[in-house]
Amino acid sequence: MNPNDVQVQIQTMTDQHLETFIRCPQRFYYQFLLKERGRAHITWEESLQQLINKVVHQFFLFPRHKRNNHQLIMLIHEHAKHLSYHAFESKVHYVTALAKITDHLLAFLKQDTMNTEPIILYEKWSTYIEEVKARVSILFEVVEGKDEAFVIKKFVTSFDESLTKLFDHLMTVFSLEAFQKLPERIEVYSLLNGRKHVYRPCEADVATGYDYLQLLKESVEYPAGYMKADDQCEQCPFQKKCEKVQVERPFYH
């Protein structure tokens, strides 16, 4: 099937769909529009992301006095048993990637042990945004709150500027629509390289956020304009299906 033959009308935008689209529109096309299965049902980075989600979730379920390095390492060890070597480039790659995830989780989560309890922990929220004419659904991983202020935290394998732009605009607009106030901070943690992105939204950022989401929605609804992100090809399950397209990167990058 050719993208030009597909008409898309977006009624609900999820953070998972949008993140996939930002990483590679062509993969979004095959995975979510055509609902095809590629050569592998999950990539090594996606398998690590699943591990991260489970570990962080369960770590914050412990009472605060039990959130320590020992418990965190035990959680990582338990969930690492379910990772497949075959999803990685080699056993060395598997061991190296898991070691990086472990080191950076230990560093980042240690900073949280004395903070307030999460007010939201791995919950899906949904709201209709009139300016975008679509329902938006987000999985909030960790949201900490105190004295009417709240901080949104997201733990990912890796990010680049295009992804942090998505996270910043999406969470800013969604927070205003769903909670009627802006977050004090949005923090994104990259667990493969130890980077931390911090964004402090203000009222002046809201209009830009609405414009960004509207333009992104229009891009998703126009499959003929989808491009291939060459830096995502190596582990993409749809690599053989995808034709190389030479175009300039669109606005959301």
C-alpha atoms as a PDB file:
ATOM      1  CA  MET A   1       0.000   0.000   0.000  1.00  0.00           C
ATOM      2  CA  ASN A   2       1.242   3.470  -0.837  1.00  0.00           C
ATOM      3  CA  PRO A   3       1.048   6.335   1.704  1.00  0.00           C
ATOM      4  CA  ASN A   4      -0.650   8.433  -0.979  1.00  0.00           C
ATOM      5  CA  ASP A   5      -3.578   6.007  -0.897  1.00  0.00           C
ATOM      6  CA  VAL A   6      -4.190   6.463   2.829  1.00  0.00           C
ATOM      7  CA  GLN A   7      -6.457   9.113   4.264  1.00  0.00           C
ATOM      8  CA  VAL A   8      -5.888   9.745   7.963  1.00  0.00           C
ATOM      9  CA  GLN A   9      -8.254  11.522  10.310  1.00  0.00           C
ATOM     10  CA  ILE A  10      -6.831  11.904  13.796  1.00  0.00           C
ATOM     11  CA  GLN A  11      -9.367  11.766  16.607  1.00  0.00           C
ATOM     12  CA  THR A  12      -7.004  10.683  19.394  1.00  0.00           C
ATOM     13  CA  MET A  13      -3.295  11.424  19.674  1.00  0.00           C
ATOM     14  CA  THR A  14      -1.289   9.353  22.144  1.00  0.00           C
ATOM     15  CA  ASP A  15       2.198  10.138  23.366  1.00  0.00           C
ATOM     16  CA  GLN A  16       3.393   6.725  22.143  1.00  0.00           C
ATOM     17  CA  HIS A  17       2.120   7.361  18.611  1.00  0.00           C
ATOM     18  CA  LEU A  18       3.579  10.857  18.510  1.00  0.00           C
ATOM     19  CA  GLU A  19       6.955   9.723  19.839  1.00  0.00           C
ATOM     20  CA  THR A  20       7.128   7.004  17.175  1.00  0.00           C
ATOM     21  CA  PHE A  21       6.156   9.544  14.511  1.00  0.00           C
ATOM     22  CA  ILE A  22       8.868  11.964  15.644  1.00  0.00           C
ATOM     23  CA  ARG A  23      11.497   9.221  15.608  1.00  0.00           C
ATOM     24  CA  CYS A  24      10.465   8.016  12.144  1.00  0.00           C
ATOM     25  CA  PRO A  25       7.201   8.781  10.294  1.00  0.00           C
ATOM     26  CA  GLN A  26       7.724   5.801   7.992  1.00  0.00           C
ATOM     27  CA  ARG A  27       7.796   3.409  10.929  1.00  0.00           C
ATOM     28  CA  PHE A  28       4.657   5.072  12.316  1.00  0.00           C
ATOM     29  CA  TYR A  29       3.018   4.431   8.946  1.00  0.00           C
ATOM     30  CA  TYR A  30       3.798   0.703   8.909  1.00  0.00           C
ATOM     31  CA  GLN A  31       3.278   0.049  12.617  1.00  0.00           C
ATOM     32  CA  PHE A  32       0.191   2.087  13.458  1.00  0.00           C
ATOM     33  CA  LEU A  33      -1.593   2.855  10.190  1.00  0.00           C
ATOM     34  CA  LEU A  34      -1.062  -0.427   8.353  1.00  0.00           C
ATOM     35  CA  LYS A  35      -0.665  -2.361  11.632  1.00  0.00           C
ATOM     36  CA  GLU A  36       1.979  -4.601  10.107  1.00  0.00           C
ATOM     37  CA  ARG A  37       4.453  -6.734  12.004  1.00  0.00           C
ATOM     38  CA  GLY A  38       8.101  -6.292  11.144  1.00  0.00           C
ATOM     39  CA  ARG A  39      10.986  -8.745  11.290  1.00  0.00           C
ATOM     40  CA  ALA A  40      11.103  -8.357  15.070  1.00  0.00           C
ATOM     41  CA  HIS A  41       8.249  -7.365  17.323  1.00  0.00           C
ATOM     42  CA  ILE A  42      10.508  -5.239  19.546  1.00  0.00           C
ATOM     43  CA  THR A  43      13.905  -3.548  19.205  1.00  0.00           C
ATOM     44  CA  TRP A  44      16.680  -3.654  21.785  1.00  0.00           C
ATOM     45  CA  GLU A  45      16.017  -0.041  22.776  1.00  0.00           C
ATOM     46  CA  GLU A  46      12.298  -0.718  23.208  1.00  0.00           C
ATOM     47  CA  SER A  47      13.052  -3.756  25.364  1.00  0.00           C
ATOM     48  CA  LEU A  48      15.255  -1.565  27.578  1.00  0.00           C
ATOM     49  CA  GLN A  49      12.468   1.033  27.752  1.00  0.00           C
ATOM     50  CA  GLN A  50      10.076  -1.621  29.017  1.00  0.00           C
ATOM     51  CA  LEU A  51      12.598  -2.594  31.680  1.00  0.00           C
ATOM     52  CA  ILE A  52      13.014   1.047  32.711  1.00  0.00           C
ATOM     53  CA  ASN A  53       9.249   1.547  33.016  1.00  0.00           C
ATOM     54  CA  LYS A  54       8.805  -1.528  35.200  1.00  0.00           C
ATOM     55  CA  VAL A  55      11.794  -0.775  37.423  1.00  0.00           C
ATOM     56  CA  VAL A  56      10.944   2.890  38.014  1.00  0.00           C
ATOM     57  CA  HIS A  57       7.286   2.068  38.645  1.00  0.00           C
ATOM     58  CA  GLN A  58       8.034  -0.637  41.192  1.00  0.00           C
ATOM     59  CA  PHE A  59      10.796   1.401  42.831  1.00  0.00           C
ATOM     60  CA  PHE A  60       8.360   4.205  43.674  1.00  0.00           C
ATOM     61  CA  LEU A  61       5.838   1.702  44.998  1.00  0.00           C
ATOM     62  CA  PHE A  62       8.252   0.887  47.823  1.00  0.00           C
ATOM     63  CA  PRO A  63       7.892   2.878  51.050  1.00  0.00           C
ATOM     64  CA  ARG A  64      10.352   5.754  51.012  1.00  0.00           C
ATOM     65  CA  HIS A  65      12.657   4.162  53.598  1.00  0.00           C
ATOM     66  CA  LYS A  66      13.048   1.085  51.370  1.00  0.00           C
ATOM     67  CA  ARG A  67      14.009   2.997  48.236  1.00  0.00           C
ATOM     68  CA  ASN A  68      17.708   2.239  48.202  1.00  0.00           C
ATOM     69  CA  ASN A  69      20.417   1.000  45.855  1.00  0.00           C
ATOM     70  CA  HIS A  70      20.002  -2.610  46.924  1.00  0.00           C
ATOM     71  CA  GLN A  71      16.282  -2.677  46.091  1.00  0.00           C
ATOM     72  CA  LEU A  72      16.901  -0.916  42.793  1.00  0.00           C
ATOM     73  CA  ILE A  73      19.612  -3.363  41.720  1.00  0.00           C
ATOM     74  CA  MET A  74      17.378  -6.297  42.683  1.00  0.00           C
ATOM     75  CA  LEU A  75      14.571  -4.880  40.536  1.00  0.00           C
ATOM     76  CA  ILE A  76      16.886  -4.403  37.559  1.00  0.00           C
ATOM     77  CA  HIS A  77      18.280  -7.919  37.973  1.00  0.00           C
ATOM     78  CA  GLU A  78      14.786  -9.419  38.110  1.00  0.00           C
ATOM     79  CA  HIS A  79      13.517  -7.671  34.988  1.00  0.00           C
ATOM     80  CA  ALA A  80      16.773  -8.146  33.071  1.00  0.00           C
ATOM     81  CA  LYS A  81      16.067 -11.882  33.104  1.00  0.00           C
ATOM     82  CA  HIS A  82      13.309 -11.261  30.572  1.00  0.00           C
ATOM     83  CA  LEU A  83      15.531  -9.407  28.097  1.00  0.00           C
ATOM     84  CA  SER A  84      16.588 -11.368  25.043  1.00  0.00           C
ATOM     85  CA  TYR A  85      20.203 -11.297  23.885  1.00  0.00           C
ATOM     86  CA  HIS A  86      18.928 -11.677  20.325  1.00  0.00           C
ATOM     87  CA  ALA A  87      17.379  -8.212  20.326  1.00  0.00           C
ATOM     88  CA  PHE A  88      20.837  -6.689  20.816  1.00  0.00           C
ATOM     89  CA  GLU A  89      23.774  -6.441  18.432  1.00  0.00           C
ATOM     90  CA  SER A  90      25.826  -8.819  20.582  1.00  0.00           C
ATOM     91  CA  LYS A  91      26.180 -10.060  24.155  1.00  0.00           C
ATOM     92  CA  VAL A  92      28.750  -7.338  24.737  1.00  0.00           C
ATOM     93  CA  HIS A  93      26.231  -4.756  23.565  1.00  0.00           C
ATOM     94  CA  TYR A  94      23.615  -6.255  25.897  1.00  0.00           C
ATOM     95  CA  VAL A  95      25.935  -6.145  28.916  1.00  0.00           C
ATOM     96  CA  THR A  96      27.173  -2.623  28.129  1.00  0.00           C
ATOM     97  CA  ALA A  97      23.695  -1.186  27.600  1.00  0.00           C
ATOM     98  CA  LEU A  98      22.341  -2.795  30.773  1.00  0.00           C
ATOM     99  CA  ALA A  99      25.320  -1.489  32.769  1.00  0.00           C
ATOM    100  CA  LYS A 100      24.651   2.062  31.538  1.00  0.00           C
ATOM    101  CA  ILE A 101      20.969   1.822  32.409  1.00  0.00           C
ATOM    102  CA  THR A 102      21.833   0.526  35.882  1.00  0.00           C
ATOM    103  CA  ASP A 103      24.430   3.223  36.597  1.00  0.00           C
ATOM    104  CA  HIS A 104      22.186   6.067  35.521  1.00  0.00           C
ATOM    105  CA  LEU A 105      19.097   4.743  37.294  1.00  0.00           C
ATOM    106  CA  LEU A 106      21.143   4.514  40.488  1.00  0.00           C
ATOM    107  CA  ALA A 107      22.300   8.101  40.039  1.00  0.00           C
ATOM    108  CA  PHE A 108      18.955   9.638  39.058  1.00  0.00           C
ATOM    109  CA  LEU A 109      16.661   7.757  41.434  1.00  0.00           C
ATOM    110  CA  LYS A 110      18.943   8.320  44.414  1.00  0.00           C
ATOM    111  CA  GLN A 111      18.083  12.006  44.077  1.00  0.00           C
ATOM    112  CA  ASP A 112      14.378  11.155  44.503  1.00  0.00           C
ATOM    113  CA  THR A 113      14.471   9.086  47.682  1.00  0.00           C
ATOM    114  CA  MET A 114      14.023  12.088  49.987  1.00  0.00           C
ATOM    115  CA  ASN A 115      11.507  13.978  47.837  1.00  0.00           C
ATOM    116  CA  THR A 116       7.761  14.025  48.241  1.00  0.00           C
ATOM    117  CA  GLU A 117       5.712  10.989  47.287  1.00  0.00           C
ATOM    118  CA  PRO A 118       4.503  10.874  43.665  1.00  0.00           C
ATOM    119  CA  ILE A 119       0.979  12.185  43.209  1.00  0.00           C
ATOM    120  CA  ILE A 120       0.771  10.334  39.873  1.00  0.00           C
ATOM    121  CA  LEU A 121       2.640   7.121  39.156  1.00  0.00           C
ATOM    122  CA  TYR A 122       2.379   5.487  35.726  1.00  0.00           C
ATOM    123  CA  GLU A 123      -1.190   6.559  35.011  1.00  0.00           C
ATOM    124  CA  LYS A 124      -2.793   7.223  31.633  1.00  0.00           C
ATOM    125  CA  TRP A 125      -4.652  10.515  31.367  1.00  0.00           C
ATOM    126  CA  SER A 126      -6.805  11.716  28.504  1.00  0.00           C
ATOM    127  CA  THR A 127      -8.420  15.040  27.656  1.00  0.00           C
ATOM    128  CA  TYR A 128      -9.968  16.726  24.628  1.00  0.00           C
ATOM    129  CA  ILE A 129      -8.071  19.782  23.373  1.00  0.00           C
ATOM    130  CA  GLU A 130     -10.343  22.093  21.436  1.00  0.00           C
ATOM    131  CA  GLU A 131      -7.514  24.055  19.772  1.00  0.00           C
ATOM    132  CA  VAL A 132      -6.195  20.836  18.229  1.00  0.00           C
ATOM    133  CA  LYS A 133      -9.624  19.265  17.625  1.00  0.00           C
ATOM    134  CA  ALA A 134      -8.461  15.952  19.039  1.00  0.00           C
ATOM    135  CA  ARG A 135      -8.360  13.922  22.218  1.00  0.00           C
ATOM    136  CA  VAL A 136      -4.858  13.607  23.632  1.00  0.00           C
ATOM    137  CA  SER A 137      -3.741  10.682  25.789  1.00  0.00           C
ATOM    138  CA  ILE A 138      -0.548  10.651  27.864  1.00  0.00           C
ATOM    139  CA  LEU A 139       1.102   8.151  30.168  1.00  0.00           C
ATOM    140  CA  PHE A 140       2.417  10.127  33.126  1.00  0.00           C
ATOM    141  CA  GLU A 141       5.320   8.192  34.615  1.00  0.00           C
ATOM    142  CA  VAL A 142       6.240  10.110  37.769  1.00  0.00           C
ATOM    143  CA  VAL A 143       4.618  13.360  38.860  1.00  0.00           C
ATOM    144  CA  GLU A 144       5.709  14.857  42.170  1.00  0.00           C
ATOM    145  CA  GLY A 145       3.722  17.614  43.811  1.00  0.00           C
ATOM    146  CA  LYS A 146       3.913  19.940  46.788  1.00  0.00           C
ATOM    147  CA  ASP A 147       2.135  23.172  47.718  1.00  0.00           C
ATOM    148  CA  GLU A 148       0.134  23.420  44.475  1.00  0.00           C
ATOM    149  CA  ALA A 149       3.278  22.964  42.350  1.00  0.00           C
ATOM    150  CA  PHE A 150       4.133  19.784  40.473  1.00  0.00           C
ATOM    151  CA  VAL A 151       7.079  18.345  38.548  1.00  0.00           C
ATOM    152  CA  ILE A 152       6.703  15.871  35.663  1.00  0.00           C
ATOM    153  CA  LYS A 153       9.492  13.295  35.295  1.00  0.00           C
ATOM    154  CA  LYS A 154      10.060  11.025  32.333  1.00  0.00           C
ATOM    155  CA  PHE A 155      12.679   8.268  32.073  1.00  0.00           C
ATOM    156  CA  VAL A 156      13.730   7.221  28.568  1.00  0.00           C
ATOM    157  CA  THR A 157      16.555   5.280  26.944  1.00  0.00           C
ATOM    158  CA  SER A 158      17.633   8.314  24.921  1.00  0.00           C
ATOM    159  CA  PHE A 159      16.381  11.600  23.533  1.00  0.00           C
ATOM    160  CA  ASP A 160      17.301  14.297  21.063  1.00  0.00           C
ATOM    161  CA  GLU A 161      16.096  17.857  20.557  1.00  0.00           C
ATOM    162  CA  SER A 162      13.085  16.799  18.490  1.00  0.00           C
ATOM    163  CA  LEU A 163      11.855  14.465  21.239  1.00  0.00           C
ATOM    164  CA  THR A 164      12.361  16.931  24.078  1.00  0.00           C
ATOM    165  CA  LYS A 165      10.472  19.513  22.015  1.00  0.00           C
ATOM    166  CA  LEU A 166       7.575  17.042  21.756  1.00  0.00           C
ATOM    167  CA  PHE A 167       7.646  16.225  25.471  1.00  0.00           C
ATOM    168  CA  ASP A 168       7.840  19.905  26.479  1.00  0.00           C
ATOM    169  CA  HIS A 169       4.978  21.131  24.294  1.00  0.00           C
ATOM    170  CA  LEU A 170       2.770  18.080  24.830  1.00  0.00           C
ATOM    171  CA  MET A 171       3.049  18.075  28.622  1.00  0.00           C
ATOM    172  CA  THR A 172       2.722  21.840  28.905  1.00  0.00           C
ATOM    173  CA  VAL A 173      -0.502  21.991  26.904  1.00  0.00           C
ATOM    174  CA  PHE A 174      -1.923  18.820  28.436  1.00  0.00           C
ATOM    175  CA  SER A 175      -1.239  20.013  31.990  1.00  0.00           C
ATOM    176  CA  LEU A 176      -3.019  23.296  31.364  1.00  0.00           C
ATOM    177  CA  GLU A 177      -6.011  21.536  29.802  1.00  0.00           C
ATOM    178  CA  ALA A 178      -6.289  18.689  32.335  1.00  0.00           C
ATOM    179  CA  PHE A 179      -5.055  20.309  35.556  1.00  0.00           C
ATOM    180  CA  GLN A 180      -5.715  23.999  34.787  1.00  0.00           C
ATOM    181  CA  LYS A 181      -2.116  24.889  35.663  1.00  0.00           C
ATOM    182  CA  LEU A 182       1.381  24.522  34.288  1.00  0.00           C
ATOM    183  CA  PRO A 183       4.041  22.237  35.751  1.00  0.00           C
ATOM    184  CA  GLU A 184       6.854  23.877  37.638  1.00  0.00           C
ATOM    185  CA  ARG A 185       9.311  21.738  35.688  1.00  0.00           C
ATOM    186  CA  ILE A 186       9.416  18.972  33.106  1.00  0.00           C
ATOM    187  CA  GLU A 187      12.415  16.689  33.564  1.00  0.00           C
ATOM    188  CA  VAL A 188      13.493  14.063  31.035  1.00  0.00           C
ATOM    189  CA  TYR A 189      16.225  11.576  31.939  1.00  0.00           C
ATOM    190  CA  SER A 190      18.250   9.707  29.317  1.00  0.00           C
ATOM    191  CA  LEU A 191      19.432   6.459  30.845  1.00  0.00           C
ATOM    192  CA  LEU A 192      21.837   5.351  28.113  1.00  0.00           C
ATOM    193  CA  ASN A 193      24.032   8.443  28.326  1.00  0.00           C
ATOM    194  CA  GLY A 194      23.111  10.050  31.655  1.00  0.00           C
ATOM    195  CA  ARG A 195      21.776  13.301  30.205  1.00  0.00           C
ATOM    196  CA  LYS A 196      19.059  15.302  31.927  1.00  0.00           C
ATOM    197  CA  HIS A 197      16.761  17.778  30.178  1.00  0.00           C
ATOM    198  CA  VAL A 198      14.906  20.382  32.259  1.00  0.00           C
ATOM    199  CA  TYR A 199      12.160  22.661  30.937  1.00  0.00           C
ATOM    200  CA  ARG A 200      10.324  25.329  32.951  1.00  0.00           C
ATOM    201  CA  PRO A 201       7.183  26.318  31.042  1.00  0.00           C
ATOM    202  CA  CYS A 202       5.525  29.696  31.454  1.00  0.00           C
ATOM    203  CA  GLU A 203       2.312  31.267  30.173  1.00  0.00           C
ATOM    204  CA  ALA A 204       4.128  32.652  27.134  1.00  0.00           C
ATOM    205  CA  ASP A 205       4.954  29.089  26.017  1.00  0.00           C
ATOM    206  CA  VAL A 206       1.339  27.912  25.828  1.00  0.00           C
ATOM    207  CA  ALA A 207       0.459  29.430  22.435  1.00  0.00           C
ATOM    208  CA  THR A 208       3.611  27.917  20.927  1.00  0.00           C
ATOM    209  CA  GLY A 209       2.602  24.550  22.360  1.00  0.00           C
ATOM    210  CA  TYR A 210      -0.862  24.688  20.779  1.00  0.00           C
ATOM    211  CA  ASP A 211       0.648  25.679  17.404  1.00  0.00           C
ATOM    212  CA  TYR A 212       3.188  22.856  17.595  1.00  0.00           C
ATOM    213  CA  LEU A 213       0.554  20.206  18.331  1.00  0.00           C
ATOM    214  CA  GLN A 214      -1.719  21.482  15.572  1.00  0.00           C
ATOM    215  CA  LEU A 215       1.096  21.368  13.015  1.00  0.00           C
ATOM    216  CA  LEU A 216       2.129  17.929  14.230  1.00  0.00           C
ATOM    217  CA  LYS A 217      -1.436  16.652  13.907  1.00  0.00           C
ATOM    218  CA  GLU A 218      -1.625  17.994  10.348  1.00  0.00           C
ATOM    219  CA  SER A 219       1.655  16.243   9.510  1.00  0.00           C
ATOM    220  CA  VAL A 220       0.357  12.930  10.857  1.00  0.00           C
ATOM    221  CA  GLU A 221      -2.812  13.303   8.775  1.00  0.00           C
ATOM    222  CA  TYR A 222      -0.759  13.660   5.558  1.00  0.00           C
ATOM    223  CA  PRO A 223       0.983  10.295   4.902  1.00  0.00           C
ATOM    224  CA  ALA A 224       2.185  11.412   1.477  1.00  0.00           C
ATOM    225  CA  GLY A 225       4.606  13.703   3.285  1.00  0.00           C
ATOM    226  CA  TYR A 226       6.048  11.022   5.564  1.00  0.00           C
ATOM    227  CA  MET A 227       9.816  10.701   5.515  1.00  0.00           C
ATOM    228  CA  LYS A 228      12.317   8.075   6.527  1.00  0.00           C
ATOM    229  CA  ALA A 229      14.671   8.813   9.415  1.00  0.00           C
ATOM    230  CA  ASP A 230      17.902   7.152   8.324  1.00  0.00           C
ATOM    231  CA  ASP A 231      19.389   7.202  11.829  1.00  0.00           C
ATOM    232  CA  GLN A 232      16.607   4.851  12.999  1.00  0.00           C
ATOM    233  CA  CYS A 233      17.021   2.203  10.294  1.00  0.00           C
ATOM    234  CA  GLU A 234      19.523  -0.135  11.916  1.00  0.00           C
ATOM    235  CA  GLN A 235      17.135  -1.602  14.482  1.00  0.00           C
ATOM    236  CA  CYS A 236      13.826  -0.824  12.764  1.00  0.00           C
ATOM    237  CA  PRO A 237      11.646  -3.932  12.260  1.00  0.00           C
ATOM    238  CA  PHE A 238      10.318  -2.455   8.996  1.00  0.00           C
ATOM    239  CA  GLN A 239      13.689  -1.737   7.428  1.00  0.00           C
ATOM    240  CA  LYS A 240      13.150  -3.986   4.410  1.00  0.00           C
ATOM    241  CA  LYS A 241       9.730  -2.534   3.678  1.00  0.00           C
ATOM    242  CA  CYS A 242      10.811   1.038   3.771  1.00  0.00           C
ATOM    243  CA  GLU A 243      11.935   2.901   0.668  1.00  0.00           C
ATOM    244  CA  LYS A 244      14.592   5.554   1.055  1.00  0.00           C
ATOM    245  CA  VAL A 245      13.214   9.066   0.729  1.00  0.00           C
ATOM    246  CA  GLN A 246      15.507  12.068   0.425  1.00  0.00           C
ATOM    247  CA  VAL A 247      13.727  15.100   1.881  1.00  0.00           C
ATOM    248  CA  GLU A 248      14.558  17.854   4.310  1.00  0.00           C
ATOM    249  CA  ARG A 249      13.667  17.277   7.922  1.00  0.00           C
ATOM    250  CA  PRO A 250      10.273  18.804   8.787  1.00  0.00           C
ATOM    251  CA  PHE A 251       9.488  21.400  11.431  1.00  0.00           C
ATOM    252  CA  TYR A 252       9.120  18.976  14.345  1.00  0.00           C
ATOM    253  CA  HIS A 253      12.830  18.146  14.145  1.00  0.00           C
END
